[in-house]
Amino acid sequence: MNPASIDHWFPIEQQRKYVSLFKGKLGLTRRRAEYFVKLWAYLWLKQQQELGKHLQPLTELDLPEGFVSCTHREAYELFYSQQERGSDRAAGMMIDKLVALGLIDKEFDGNTNSIRIRSLLPLQSTQKSTELIPDAFNPRTDTIPVANLLAKFNNVLNINKQNTALPYRIAKILRTWAEQYPIGMRVLRSCDTDHPVGFYILYPIAQESEENYFLPPSKSLHLSSVSEIDPIKMALPGDRDCTFIHVRSWIIDTDYLQKVNLCKFLKDAKKTLTRMQVDYPNLCDIYTLPMHPGDEQLASALGFQKTSQDPQLPLCWVYIPLDKFMALDIGQALSVLKLD
């Protein structure tokens, strides 16, 4: 199975039907959607060939079972063989972007990469219609489900390749933050089960840590790093020198990533900031670190501007004045997003 011949085994006309279903969902541009569809078809065909099946051109896609080996060289041939641009490294970065979007999983056994297609989410109407409500983070009942949710999304930079205990680390960090300042920690809770399906923390920054936001962002990673030392110190309530807020986590489970839920959670964040201004009266700057393409899309829609780019990782601090964020019409700002 030659990856460069994918258009023969899965004709362009059929690919376009799938691309149109994926494009605009979960932060997928047309180009990323095209690459994902090619990758999905290739993994399915390769697995069928490995099982000794007779290959025929596909008219529709099915999920491969489990992981299928796929090197960066194969991905390069798959994505860029008909183009003058691209490289093995670029193909690897595209694979990482698809991991970040939650469409695939990737494993490395020391010799080669293996990839698993995660779900048919954009093709099936699996987005849940359950009513969700913003609520206070309860460290006794919410820590473990939120830690597992965050671990899935914070591992995409592969900083933690050997850290299988990531959910445990995050759980400890969450409980520490809740002891320090619980007001800034909120969940999006299912009315049916009380289960948290979204989480954010608005983290007030001590003046001594402000320099971090003018340095490479990778120096400030904590949830997705292996260091036990938090590089950013939280300001104590009443600290009049505290002017920075860090949106240190922001996540909604992809099954619930609809504009109505996103709008509800952002409006709740504005209310939380109003409450925090009582404890930190001089707040004026909001920083965050988009970890995924969908986060970048959201930050841009809300008016965040890029500041410090990391020289080694695809990370960049983004910033918005607090007053500008508080004046936003959330519904209007989100009108440019294509999620539903």
C-alpha atoms as a PDB file:
ATOM      1  CA  MET A   1       0.000   0.000   0.000  1.00  0.00           C
ATOM      2  CA  ASN A   2       1.767   3.126  -1.252  1.00  0.00           C
ATOM      3  CA  PRO A   3       0.580   6.214   0.658  1.00  0.00           C
ATOM      4  CA  ALA A   4       1.227   8.398  -2.406  1.00  0.00           C
ATOM      5  CA  SER A   5      -1.483   6.455  -4.266  1.00  0.00           C
ATOM      6  CA  ILE A   6      -4.241   7.205  -1.740  1.00  0.00           C
ATOM      7  CA  ASP A   7      -6.285   9.139  -4.332  1.00  0.00           C
ATOM      8  CA  HIS A   8      -6.559   5.950  -6.389  1.00  0.00           C
ATOM      9  CA  TRP A   9      -7.776   3.829  -3.485  1.00  0.00           C
ATOM     10  CA  PHE A  10     -10.053   6.537  -2.067  1.00  0.00           C
ATOM     11  CA  PRO A  11     -11.071   8.835  -4.950  1.00  0.00           C
ATOM     12  CA  ILE A  12     -11.023  12.602  -4.524  1.00  0.00           C
ATOM     13  CA  GLU A  13     -14.794  12.800  -5.033  1.00  0.00           C
ATOM     14  CA  GLN A  14     -15.355  10.549  -2.028  1.00  0.00           C
ATOM     15  CA  GLN A  15     -12.735  12.392   0.021  1.00  0.00           C
ATOM     16  CA  ARG A  16     -14.514  15.700  -0.560  1.00  0.00           C
ATOM     17  CA  LYS A  17     -17.749  14.366   0.936  1.00  0.00           C
ATOM     18  CA  TYR A  18     -15.931  13.589   4.173  1.00  0.00           C
ATOM     19  CA  VAL A  19     -13.907  16.809   4.139  1.00  0.00           C
ATOM     20  CA  SER A  20     -17.124  18.851   3.900  1.00  0.00           C
ATOM     21  CA  LEU A  21     -18.409  17.104   7.028  1.00  0.00           C
ATOM     22  CA  PHE A  22     -15.230  17.758   8.999  1.00  0.00           C
ATOM     23  CA  LYS A  23     -14.287  21.269   7.828  1.00  0.00           C
ATOM     24  CA  GLY A  24     -14.958  23.922  10.456  1.00  0.00           C
ATOM     25  CA  LYS A  25     -15.509  21.463  13.304  1.00  0.00           C
ATOM     26  CA  LEU A  26     -13.174  21.327  16.305  1.00  0.00           C
ATOM     27  CA  GLY A  27     -10.870  23.916  14.741  1.00  0.00           C
ATOM     28  CA  LEU A  28     -10.336  21.927  11.521  1.00  0.00           C
ATOM     29  CA  THR A  29      -9.362  24.026   8.524  1.00  0.00           C
ATOM     30  CA  ARG A  30     -10.019  22.600   5.066  1.00  0.00           C
ATOM     31  CA  ARG A  31      -6.384  21.566   4.721  1.00  0.00           C
ATOM     32  CA  ARG A  32      -6.322  19.760   8.073  1.00  0.00           C
ATOM     33  CA  ALA A  33      -9.617  18.071   7.219  1.00  0.00           C
ATOM     34  CA  GLU A  34      -8.149  16.879   3.903  1.00  0.00           C
ATOM     35  CA  TYR A  35      -5.081  15.462   5.616  1.00  0.00           C
ATOM     36  CA  PHE A  36      -7.177  13.764   8.285  1.00  0.00           C
ATOM     37  CA  VAL A  37      -9.438  12.088   5.730  1.00  0.00           C
ATOM     38  CA  LYS A  38      -6.406  10.847   3.760  1.00  0.00           C
ATOM     39  CA  LEU A  39      -4.815   9.539   6.965  1.00  0.00           C
ATOM     40  CA  TRP A  40      -8.001   7.776   8.027  1.00  0.00           C
ATOM     41  CA  ALA A  41      -8.398   6.101   4.621  1.00  0.00           C
ATOM     42  CA  TYR A  42      -4.732   5.095   4.516  1.00  0.00           C
ATOM     43  CA  LEU A  43      -4.799   3.497   7.973  1.00  0.00           C
ATOM     44  CA  TRP A  44      -7.950   1.559   7.081  1.00  0.00           C
ATOM     45  CA  LEU A  45      -6.496   0.306   3.776  1.00  0.00           C
ATOM     46  CA  LYS A  46      -3.129  -0.538   5.329  1.00  0.00           C
ATOM     47  CA  GLN A  47      -4.768  -2.558   8.092  1.00  0.00           C
ATOM     48  CA  GLN A  48      -6.937  -4.417   5.586  1.00  0.00           C
ATOM     49  CA  GLN A  49      -3.839  -5.264   3.561  1.00  0.00           C
ATOM     50  CA  GLU A  50      -1.998  -6.460   6.684  1.00  0.00           C
ATOM     51  CA  LEU A  51      -4.973  -8.718   7.428  1.00  0.00           C
ATOM     52  CA  GLY A  52      -4.627 -10.271   3.963  1.00  0.00           C
ATOM     53  CA  LYS A  53      -7.795  -8.699   2.576  1.00  0.00           C
ATOM     54  CA  HIS A  54      -8.144  -7.952  -1.143  1.00  0.00           C
ATOM     55  CA  LEU A  55      -8.061  -4.161  -1.578  1.00  0.00           C
ATOM     56  CA  GLN A  56     -10.600  -2.326  -3.681  1.00  0.00           C
ATOM     57  CA  PRO A  57     -11.176   1.429  -4.079  1.00  0.00           C
ATOM     58  CA  LEU A  58     -13.257   2.728  -1.179  1.00  0.00           C
ATOM     59  CA  THR A  59     -16.633   4.418  -1.396  1.00  0.00           C
ATOM     60  CA  GLU A  60     -16.928   4.994   2.360  1.00  0.00           C
ATOM     61  CA  LEU A  61     -14.733   4.832   5.442  1.00  0.00           C
ATOM     62  CA  ASP A  62     -14.825   2.564   8.452  1.00  0.00           C
ATOM     63  CA  LEU A  63     -12.763   2.762  11.637  1.00  0.00           C
ATOM     64  CA  PRO A  64      -9.539   0.750  11.708  1.00  0.00           C
ATOM     65  CA  GLU A  65      -9.310  -1.471  14.766  1.00  0.00           C
ATOM     66  CA  GLY A  66      -6.796  -0.168  17.275  1.00  0.00           C
ATOM     67  CA  PHE A  67      -3.421   1.297  16.342  1.00  0.00           C
ATOM     68  CA  VAL A  68      -1.849   1.069  12.883  1.00  0.00           C
ATOM     69  CA  SER A  69       1.835   1.853  12.267  1.00  0.00           C
ATOM     70  CA  CYS A  70       2.498   5.033  10.302  1.00  0.00           C
ATOM     71  CA  THR A  71       5.907   6.682  10.050  1.00  0.00           C
ATOM     72  CA  HIS A  72       6.465  10.376   9.395  1.00  0.00           C
ATOM     73  CA  ARG A  73       7.789   9.381   5.965  1.00  0.00           C
ATOM     74  CA  GLU A  74       4.499   7.629   5.183  1.00  0.00           C
ATOM     75  CA  ALA A  75       2.570  10.663   6.422  1.00  0.00           C
ATOM     76  CA  TYR A  76       4.726  12.912   4.239  1.00  0.00           C
ATOM     77  CA  GLU A  77       3.943  10.806   1.144  1.00  0.00           C
ATOM     78  CA  LEU A  78       0.282  10.810   2.107  1.00  0.00           C
ATOM     79  CA  PHE A  79      -0.043  14.572   2.695  1.00  0.00           C
ATOM     80  CA  TYR A  80       2.506  16.186   0.389  1.00  0.00           C
ATOM     81  CA  SER A  81       3.391  13.808  -2.466  1.00  0.00           C
ATOM     82  CA  GLN A  82       1.330  15.889  -4.915  1.00  0.00           C
ATOM     83  CA  GLN A  83       2.752  19.187  -3.659  1.00  0.00           C
ATOM     84  CA  GLU A  84       6.075  20.974  -3.860  1.00  0.00           C
ATOM     85  CA  ARG A  85       6.123  21.773  -0.165  1.00  0.00           C
ATOM     86  CA  GLY A  86       6.202  19.669   2.972  1.00  0.00           C
ATOM     87  CA  SER A  87       8.702  17.445   4.781  1.00  0.00           C
ATOM     88  CA  ASP A  88       8.806  14.532   7.216  1.00  0.00           C
ATOM     89  CA  ARG A  89       8.957  17.057  10.044  1.00  0.00           C
ATOM     90  CA  ALA A  90       5.949  18.984   8.719  1.00  0.00           C
ATOM     91  CA  ALA A  91       4.017  15.727   8.444  1.00  0.00           C
ATOM     92  CA  GLY A  92       4.887  14.914  12.062  1.00  0.00           C
ATOM     93  CA  MET A  93       3.681  18.333  13.174  1.00  0.00           C
ATOM     94  CA  MET A  94       0.411  17.810  11.300  1.00  0.00           C
ATOM     95  CA  ILE A  95      -0.032  14.455  13.061  1.00  0.00           C
ATOM     96  CA  ASP A  96       0.477  16.254  16.399  1.00  0.00           C
ATOM     97  CA  LYS A  97      -2.155  18.833  15.448  1.00  0.00           C
ATOM     98  CA  LEU A  98      -4.663  16.068  14.735  1.00  0.00           C
ATOM     99  CA  VAL A  99      -3.800  14.540  18.120  1.00  0.00           C
ATOM    100  CA  ALA A 100      -4.384  17.941  19.729  1.00  0.00           C
ATOM    101  CA  LEU A 101      -7.786  18.191  18.074  1.00  0.00           C
ATOM    102  CA  GLY A 102      -8.778  14.881  19.639  1.00  0.00           C
ATOM    103  CA  LEU A 103      -9.224  13.095  16.300  1.00  0.00           C
ATOM    104  CA  ILE A 104      -6.405  10.579  16.659  1.00  0.00           C
ATOM    105  CA  ASP A 105      -4.179   8.960  19.289  1.00  0.00           C
ATOM    106  CA  LYS A 106      -0.465   8.396  18.749  1.00  0.00           C
ATOM    107  CA  GLU A 107       1.926   5.884  20.298  1.00  0.00           C
ATOM    108  CA  PHE A 108       5.699   5.504  19.875  1.00  0.00           C
ATOM    109  CA  ASP A 109       7.293   2.163  20.783  1.00  0.00           C
ATOM    110  CA  GLY A 110      10.871   3.336  20.378  1.00  0.00           C
ATOM    111  CA  ASN A 111      11.022   2.487  16.696  1.00  0.00           C
ATOM    112  CA  THR A 112       7.919   3.718  14.912  1.00  0.00           C
ATOM    113  CA  ASN A 113       4.723   5.680  15.411  1.00  0.00           C
ATOM    114  CA  SER A 114       1.335   4.019  15.520  1.00  0.00           C
ATOM    115  CA  ILE A 115      -1.921   5.909  15.083  1.00  0.00           C
ATOM    116  CA  ARG A 116      -5.507   5.223  16.065  1.00  0.00           C
ATOM    117  CA  ILE A 117      -8.536   7.059  14.726  1.00  0.00           C
ATOM    118  CA  ARG A 118     -10.385   8.104  17.843  1.00  0.00           C
ATOM    119  CA  SER A 119     -13.999   8.559  16.809  1.00  0.00           C
ATOM    120  CA  LEU A 120     -16.495   9.550  14.148  1.00  0.00           C
ATOM    121  CA  LEU A 121     -17.494  12.635  16.127  1.00  0.00           C
ATOM    122  CA  PRO A 122     -17.856  15.107  13.255  1.00  0.00           C
ATOM    123  CA  LEU A 123     -19.746  12.556  11.117  1.00  0.00           C
ATOM    124  CA  GLN A 124     -22.174  11.451  13.749  1.00  0.00           C
ATOM    125  CA  SER A 125     -24.341  13.873  15.681  1.00  0.00           C
ATOM    126  CA  THR A 126     -22.791  12.831  18.984  1.00  0.00           C
ATOM    127  CA  GLN A 127     -22.749  16.276  20.551  1.00  0.00           C
ATOM    128  CA  LYS A 128     -24.813  15.959  23.700  1.00  0.00           C
ATOM    129  CA  SER A 129     -27.980  17.996  24.196  1.00  0.00           C
ATOM    130  CA  THR A 130     -27.881  17.608  27.994  1.00  0.00           C
ATOM    131  CA  GLU A 131     -28.364  20.928  29.779  1.00  0.00           C
ATOM    132  CA  LEU A 132     -25.199  22.203  31.418  1.00  0.00           C
ATOM    133  CA  ILE A 133     -24.810  24.751  34.201  1.00  0.00           C
ATOM    134  CA  PRO A 134     -21.718  26.647  35.431  1.00  0.00           C
ATOM    135  CA  ASP A 135     -20.932  25.776  39.030  1.00  0.00           C
ATOM    136  CA  ALA A 136     -18.191  26.080  41.656  1.00  0.00           C
ATOM    137  CA  PHE A 137     -15.403  23.523  41.490  1.00  0.00           C
ATOM    138  CA  ASN A 138     -15.838  21.019  44.334  1.00  0.00           C
ATOM    139  CA  PRO A 139     -12.411  19.572  45.194  1.00  0.00           C
ATOM    140  CA  ARG A 140     -14.002  16.578  46.918  1.00  0.00           C
ATOM    141  CA  THR A 141     -16.086  15.387  43.960  1.00  0.00           C
ATOM    142  CA  ASP A 142     -14.713  17.136  40.857  1.00  0.00           C
ATOM    143  CA  THR A 143     -10.945  16.676  41.176  1.00  0.00           C
ATOM    144  CA  ILE A 144     -10.589  13.233  39.628  1.00  0.00           C
ATOM    145  CA  PRO A 145     -12.931  13.687  36.612  1.00  0.00           C
ATOM    146  CA  VAL A 146     -11.443  17.114  35.873  1.00  0.00           C
ATOM    147  CA  ALA A 147      -7.883  15.756  36.247  1.00  0.00           C
ATOM    148  CA  ASN A 148      -8.640  12.993  33.736  1.00  0.00           C
ATOM    149  CA  LEU A 149     -10.201  15.497  31.331  1.00  0.00           C
ATOM    150  CA  LEU A 150      -7.194  17.819  31.584  1.00  0.00           C
ATOM    151  CA  ALA A 151      -4.672  14.974  31.285  1.00  0.00           C
ATOM    152  CA  LYS A 152      -6.125  13.947  27.931  1.00  0.00           C
ATOM    153  CA  PHE A 153      -5.690  17.451  26.528  1.00  0.00           C
ATOM    154  CA  ASN A 154      -2.446  18.461  28.274  1.00  0.00           C
ATOM    155  CA  ASN A 155      -0.454  15.513  26.982  1.00  0.00           C
ATOM    156  CA  VAL A 156      -0.542  16.598  23.345  1.00  0.00           C
ATOM    157  CA  LEU A 157       2.809  18.406  23.449  1.00  0.00           C
ATOM    158  CA  ASN A 158       4.530  15.098  24.310  1.00  0.00           C
ATOM    159  CA  ILE A 159       6.478  16.813  27.095  1.00  0.00           C
ATOM    160  CA  ASN A 160       5.346  14.016  29.361  1.00  0.00           C
ATOM    161  CA  LYS A 161       6.107  10.966  27.251  1.00  0.00           C
ATOM    162  CA  GLN A 162       7.043   8.784  30.222  1.00  0.00           C
ATOM    163  CA  ASN A 163       4.655  10.308  32.740  1.00  0.00           C
ATOM    164  CA  THR A 164       1.804   7.823  32.932  1.00  0.00           C
ATOM    165  CA  ALA A 165       0.821   9.339  36.288  1.00  0.00           C
ATOM    166  CA  LEU A 166      -0.214  12.645  34.728  1.00  0.00           C
ATOM    167  CA  PRO A 167      -3.851  12.533  36.005  1.00  0.00           C
ATOM    168  CA  TYR A 168      -2.532  11.929  39.533  1.00  0.00           C
ATOM    169  CA  ARG A 169      -0.174  14.932  39.266  1.00  0.00           C
ATOM    170  CA  ILE A 170      -2.942  17.153  37.957  1.00  0.00           C
ATOM    171  CA  ALA A 171      -5.287  16.023  40.744  1.00  0.00           C
ATOM    172  CA  LYS A 172      -2.720  17.103  43.342  1.00  0.00           C
ATOM    173  CA  ILE A 173      -2.260  20.464  41.618  1.00  0.00           C
ATOM    174  CA  LEU A 174      -6.019  21.084  41.412  1.00  0.00           C
ATOM    175  CA  ARG A 175      -6.486  20.432  45.129  1.00  0.00           C
ATOM    176  CA  THR A 176      -3.582  22.750  45.945  1.00  0.00           C
ATOM    177  CA  TRP A 177      -5.086  25.529  43.832  1.00  0.00           C
ATOM    178  CA  ALA A 178      -8.504  24.980  45.446  1.00  0.00           C
ATOM    179  CA  GLU A 179      -6.960  25.459  48.886  1.00  0.00           C
ATOM    180  CA  GLN A 180      -5.291  28.685  47.777  1.00  0.00           C
ATOM    181  CA  TYR A 181      -8.165  30.411  45.951  1.00  0.00           C
ATOM    182  CA  PRO A 182     -11.251  28.359  45.031  1.00  0.00           C
ATOM    183  CA  ILE A 183     -13.277  31.323  43.699  1.00  0.00           C
ATOM    184  CA  GLY A 184     -11.411  31.305  40.385  1.00  0.00           C
ATOM    185  CA  MET A 185     -12.128  27.601  39.738  1.00  0.00           C
ATOM    186  CA  ARG A 186     -15.370  26.746  37.932  1.00  0.00           C
ATOM    187  CA  VAL A 187     -16.886  23.729  36.184  1.00  0.00           C
ATOM    188  CA  LEU A 188     -19.557  23.209  33.556  1.00  0.00           C
ATOM    189  CA  ARG A 189     -21.786  20.581  35.107  1.00  0.00           C
ATOM    190  CA  SER A 190     -24.276  18.165  33.565  1.00  0.00           C
ATOM    191  CA  CYS A 191     -27.737  18.633  35.050  1.00  0.00           C
ATOM    192  CA  ASP A 192     -28.425  14.914  34.509  1.00  0.00           C
ATOM    193  CA  THR A 193     -25.420  13.458  36.316  1.00  0.00           C
ATOM    194  CA  ASP A 194     -23.728  16.380  38.161  1.00  0.00           C
ATOM    195  CA  HIS A 195     -20.586  15.295  36.282  1.00  0.00           C
ATOM    196  CA  PRO A 196     -18.165  18.107  35.297  1.00  0.00           C
ATOM    197  CA  VAL A 197     -17.694  18.259  31.513  1.00  0.00           C
ATOM    198  CA  GLY A 198     -15.911  21.602  31.431  1.00  0.00           C
ATOM    199  CA  PHE A 199     -13.426  23.441  33.642  1.00  0.00           C
ATOM    200  CA  TYR A 200     -11.590  26.734  33.893  1.00  0.00           C
ATOM    201  CA  ILE A 201      -9.361  28.416  36.422  1.00  0.00           C
ATOM    202  CA  LEU A 202      -8.732  32.163  36.598  1.00  0.00           C
ATOM    203  CA  TYR A 203      -5.401  32.321  38.400  1.00  0.00           C
ATOM    204  CA  PRO A 204      -4.355  35.638  40.031  1.00  0.00           C
ATOM    205  CA  ILE A 205      -0.623  36.234  39.537  1.00  0.00           C
ATOM    206  CA  ALA A 206       1.777  37.451  42.224  1.00  0.00           C
ATOM    207  CA  GLN A 207       3.840  40.420  41.060  1.00  0.00           C
ATOM    208  CA  GLU A 208       7.074  38.410  41.337  1.00  0.00           C
ATOM    209  CA  SER A 209       5.805  36.025  38.620  1.00  0.00           C
ATOM    210  CA  GLU A 210       4.786  38.660  36.076  1.00  0.00           C
ATOM    211  CA  GLU A 211       8.085  38.329  34.205  1.00  0.00           C
ATOM    212  CA  ASN A 212       7.012  34.838  33.063  1.00  0.00           C
ATOM    213  CA  TYR A 213       4.571  36.405  30.608  1.00  0.00           C
ATOM    214  CA  PHE A 214       7.411  38.097  28.749  1.00  0.00           C
ATOM    215  CA  LEU A 215       9.491  34.900  28.520  1.00  0.00           C
ATOM    216  CA  PRO A 216       9.062  31.787  26.325  1.00  0.00           C
ATOM    217  CA  PRO A 217       5.762  30.147  27.341  1.00  0.00           C
ATOM    218  CA  SER A 218       7.369  26.700  27.752  1.00  0.00           C
ATOM    219  CA  LYS A 219       9.113  28.009  30.879  1.00  0.00           C
ATOM    220  CA  SER A 220       5.713  28.391  32.557  1.00  0.00           C
ATOM    221  CA  LEU A 221       4.161  24.984  31.801  1.00  0.00           C
ATOM    222  CA  HIS A 222       3.073  23.080  34.884  1.00  0.00           C
ATOM    223  CA  LEU A 223       0.093  20.799  34.266  1.00  0.00           C
ATOM    224  CA  SER A 224       1.754  19.235  31.221  1.00  0.00           C
ATOM    225  CA  SER A 225       5.318  19.252  32.581  1.00  0.00           C
ATOM    226  CA  VAL A 226       7.154  16.845  34.860  1.00  0.00           C
ATOM    227  CA  SER A 227       8.347  19.501  37.304  1.00  0.00           C
ATOM    228  CA  GLU A 228       6.847  19.479  40.784  1.00  0.00           C
ATOM    229  CA  ILE A 229       7.647  23.188  41.206  1.00  0.00           C
ATOM    230  CA  ASP A 230       5.005  25.604  39.985  1.00  0.00           C
ATOM    231  CA  PRO A 231       6.799  28.345  38.016  1.00  0.00           C
ATOM    232  CA  ILE A 232       3.947  30.807  38.633  1.00  0.00           C
ATOM    233  CA  LYS A 233       3.024  31.989  42.124  1.00  0.00           C
ATOM    234  CA  MET A 234      -0.562  32.832  43.031  1.00  0.00           C
ATOM    235  CA  ALA A 235      -1.299  36.230  44.564  1.00  0.00           C
ATOM    236  CA  LEU A 236      -3.001  36.275  47.946  1.00  0.00           C
ATOM    237  CA  PRO A 237      -6.481  37.838  48.215  1.00  0.00           C
ATOM    238  CA  GLY A 238      -6.218  41.539  48.977  1.00  0.00           C
ATOM    239  CA  ASP A 239      -2.938  41.930  47.064  1.00  0.00           C
ATOM    240  CA  ARG A 240      -3.232  45.361  45.453  1.00  0.00           C
ATOM    241  CA  ASP A 241      -0.102  44.687  43.365  1.00  0.00           C
ATOM    242  CA  CYS A 242      -1.853  41.859  41.546  1.00  0.00           C
ATOM    243  CA  THR A 243      -2.701  43.088  38.041  1.00  0.00           C
ATOM    244  CA  PHE A 244      -2.423  39.865  35.988  1.00  0.00           C
ATOM    245  CA  ILE A 245      -4.970  37.088  35.607  1.00  0.00           C
ATOM    246  CA  HIS A 246      -3.882  33.854  33.915  1.00  0.00           C
ATOM    247  CA  VAL A 247      -6.599  31.687  32.352  1.00  0.00           C
ATOM    248  CA  ARG A 248      -4.564  28.667  33.365  1.00  0.00           C
ATOM    249  CA  SER A 249      -6.986  26.062  32.109  1.00  0.00           C
ATOM    250  CA  TRP A 250      -9.997  26.290  29.845  1.00  0.00           C
ATOM    251  CA  ILE A 251     -11.661  23.169  28.533  1.00  0.00           C
ATOM    252  CA  ILE A 252     -15.028  21.775  27.479  1.00  0.00           C
ATOM    253  CA  ASP A 253     -15.298  18.103  26.574  1.00  0.00           C
ATOM    254  CA  THR A 254     -15.640  17.804  22.790  1.00  0.00           C
ATOM    255  CA  ASP A 255     -19.005  16.009  23.168  1.00  0.00           C
ATOM    256  CA  TYR A 256     -20.400  19.254  24.597  1.00  0.00           C
ATOM    257  CA  LEU A 257     -18.478  21.793  22.520  1.00  0.00           C
ATOM    258  CA  GLN A 258     -21.455  23.775  21.256  1.00  0.00           C
ATOM    259  CA  LYS A 259     -21.837  27.541  21.050  1.00  0.00           C
ATOM    260  CA  VAL A 260     -24.633  27.602  23.623  1.00  0.00           C
ATOM    261  CA  ASN A 261     -22.352  25.920  26.180  1.00  0.00           C
ATOM    262  CA  LEU A 262     -19.304  27.957  25.231  1.00  0.00           C
ATOM    263  CA  CYS A 263     -21.305  31.179  25.530  1.00  0.00           C
ATOM    264  CA  LYS A 264     -22.693  30.117  28.901  1.00  0.00           C
ATOM    265  CA  PHE A 265     -19.230  29.316  30.261  1.00  0.00           C
ATOM    266  CA  LEU A 266     -17.686  32.572  29.001  1.00  0.00           C
ATOM    267  CA  LYS A 267     -20.468  34.633  30.558  1.00  0.00           C
ATOM    268  CA  ASP A 268     -19.819  32.798  33.796  1.00  0.00           C
ATOM    269  CA  ALA A 269     -16.128  33.726  33.504  1.00  0.00           C
ATOM    270  CA  LYS A 270     -17.104  37.404  33.311  1.00  0.00           C
ATOM    271  CA  LYS A 271     -19.142  37.027  36.504  1.00  0.00           C
ATOM    272  CA  THR A 272     -16.227  35.270  38.184  1.00  0.00           C
ATOM    273  CA  LEU A 273     -13.871  38.083  37.201  1.00  0.00           C
ATOM    274  CA  THR A 274     -16.259  40.627  38.680  1.00  0.00           C
ATOM    275  CA  ARG A 275     -16.208  38.671  41.954  1.00  0.00           C
ATOM    276  CA  MET A 276     -12.396  38.437  41.861  1.00  0.00           C
ATOM    277  CA  GLN A 277     -12.047  42.210  41.477  1.00  0.00           C
ATOM    278  CA  VAL A 278     -13.266  42.492  45.043  1.00  0.00           C
ATOM    279  CA  ASP A 279     -10.237  40.498  46.218  1.00  0.00           C
ATOM    280  CA  TYR A 280      -7.829  41.935  43.628  1.00  0.00           C
ATOM    281  CA  PRO A 281      -9.009  45.512  42.961  1.00  0.00           C
ATOM    282  CA  ASN A 282      -6.248  46.410  40.479  1.00  0.00           C
ATOM    283  CA  LEU A 283      -6.678  43.560  37.997  1.00  0.00           C
ATOM    284  CA  CYS A 284      -6.274  44.815  34.441  1.00  0.00           C
ATOM    285  CA  ASP A 285      -4.526  42.191  32.240  1.00  0.00           C
ATOM    286  CA  ILE A 286      -5.611  38.708  31.140  1.00  0.00           C
ATOM    287  CA  TYR A 287      -3.104  36.213  29.742  1.00  0.00           C
ATOM    288  CA  THR A 288      -3.545  32.669  28.532  1.00  0.00           C
ATOM    289  CA  LEU A 289      -1.676  30.002  26.597  1.00  0.00           C
ATOM    290  CA  PRO A 290      -3.672  28.295  23.829  1.00  0.00           C
ATOM    291  CA  MET A 291      -2.632  24.636  23.737  1.00  0.00           C
ATOM    292  CA  HIS A 292      -4.757  23.504  20.786  1.00  0.00           C
ATOM    293  CA  PRO A 293      -5.910  24.915  17.440  1.00  0.00           C
ATOM    294  CA  GLY A 294      -9.464  25.231  18.768  1.00  0.00           C
ATOM    295  CA  ASP A 295      -8.184  27.334  21.676  1.00  0.00           C
ATOM    296  CA  GLU A 296      -6.360  29.623  19.243  1.00  0.00           C
ATOM    297  CA  GLN A 297      -9.539  30.079  17.232  1.00  0.00           C
ATOM    298  CA  LEU A 298     -11.516  30.963  20.361  1.00  0.00           C
ATOM    299  CA  ALA A 299      -8.871  33.353  21.695  1.00  0.00           C
ATOM    300  CA  SER A 300      -8.746  35.175  18.353  1.00  0.00           C
ATOM    301  CA  ALA A 301     -12.546  35.502  18.251  1.00  0.00           C
ATOM    302  CA  LEU A 302     -12.511  37.044  21.735  1.00  0.00           C
ATOM    303  CA  GLY A 303      -9.876  39.605  20.766  1.00  0.00           C
ATOM    304  CA  PHE A 304      -6.760  38.155  22.408  1.00  0.00           C
ATOM    305  CA  GLN A 305      -3.511  39.312  20.799  1.00  0.00           C
ATOM    306  CA  LYS A 306      -0.319  37.255  20.492  1.00  0.00           C
ATOM    307  CA  THR A 307       2.683  38.426  22.516  1.00  0.00           C
ATOM    308  CA  SER A 308       5.642  36.124  23.345  1.00  0.00           C
ATOM    309  CA  GLN A 309       6.260  33.214  20.928  1.00  0.00           C
ATOM    310  CA  ASP A 310       8.152  30.161  22.159  1.00  0.00           C
ATOM    311  CA  PRO A 311      11.298  29.395  20.112  1.00  0.00           C
ATOM    312  CA  GLN A 312      11.078  25.603  20.603  1.00  0.00           C
ATOM    313  CA  LEU A 313       7.392  24.685  20.884  1.00  0.00           C
ATOM    314  CA  PRO A 314       4.287  25.856  18.955  1.00  0.00           C
ATOM    315  CA  LEU A 315       3.168  27.988  21.904  1.00  0.00           C
ATOM    316  CA  CYS A 316       2.476  31.687  22.263  1.00  0.00           C
ATOM    317  CA  TRP A 317       1.188  33.873  25.077  1.00  0.00           C
ATOM    318  CA  VAL A 318      -1.964  35.778  24.153  1.00  0.00           C
ATOM    319  CA  TYR A 319      -3.288  38.827  25.952  1.00  0.00           C
ATOM    320  CA  ILE A 320      -6.392  40.968  26.294  1.00  0.00           C
ATOM    321  CA  PRO A 321      -7.074  43.927  28.624  1.00  0.00           C
ATOM    322  CA  LEU A 322      -9.551  42.967  31.339  1.00  0.00           C
ATOM    323  CA  ASP A 323     -11.781  45.957  30.583  1.00  0.00           C
ATOM    324  CA  LYS A 324     -11.980  44.995  26.916  1.00  0.00           C
ATOM    325  CA  PHE A 325     -12.956  41.421  27.767  1.00  0.00           C
ATOM    326  CA  MET A 326     -15.589  42.558  30.256  1.00  0.00           C
ATOM    327  CA  ALA A 327     -17.134  44.825  27.613  1.00  0.00           C
ATOM    328  CA  LEU A 328     -17.425  42.010  25.053  1.00  0.00           C
ATOM    329  CA  ASP A 329     -20.750  40.883  23.686  1.00  0.00           C
ATOM    330  CA  ILE A 330     -20.000  37.173  24.023  1.00  0.00           C
ATOM    331  CA  GLY A 331     -22.696  36.022  21.614  1.00  0.00           C
ATOM    332  CA  GLN A 332     -21.536  38.400  18.902  1.00  0.00           C
ATOM    333  CA  ALA A 333     -17.868  37.493  19.434  1.00  0.00           C
ATOM    334  CA  LEU A 334     -18.643  33.785  19.026  1.00  0.00           C
ATOM    335  CA  SER A 335     -20.674  34.314  15.848  1.00  0.00           C
ATOM    336  CA  VAL A 336     -17.515  33.814  13.748  1.00  0.00           C
ATOM    337  CA  LEU A 337     -16.894  30.341  15.161  1.00  0.00           C
ATOM    338  CA  LYS A 338     -18.161  27.211  13.418  1.00  0.00           C
ATOM    339  CA  LEU A 339     -18.787  24.633  16.117  1.00  0.00           C
ATOM    340  CA  ASP A 340     -22.403  23.468  15.939  1.00  0.00           C
END
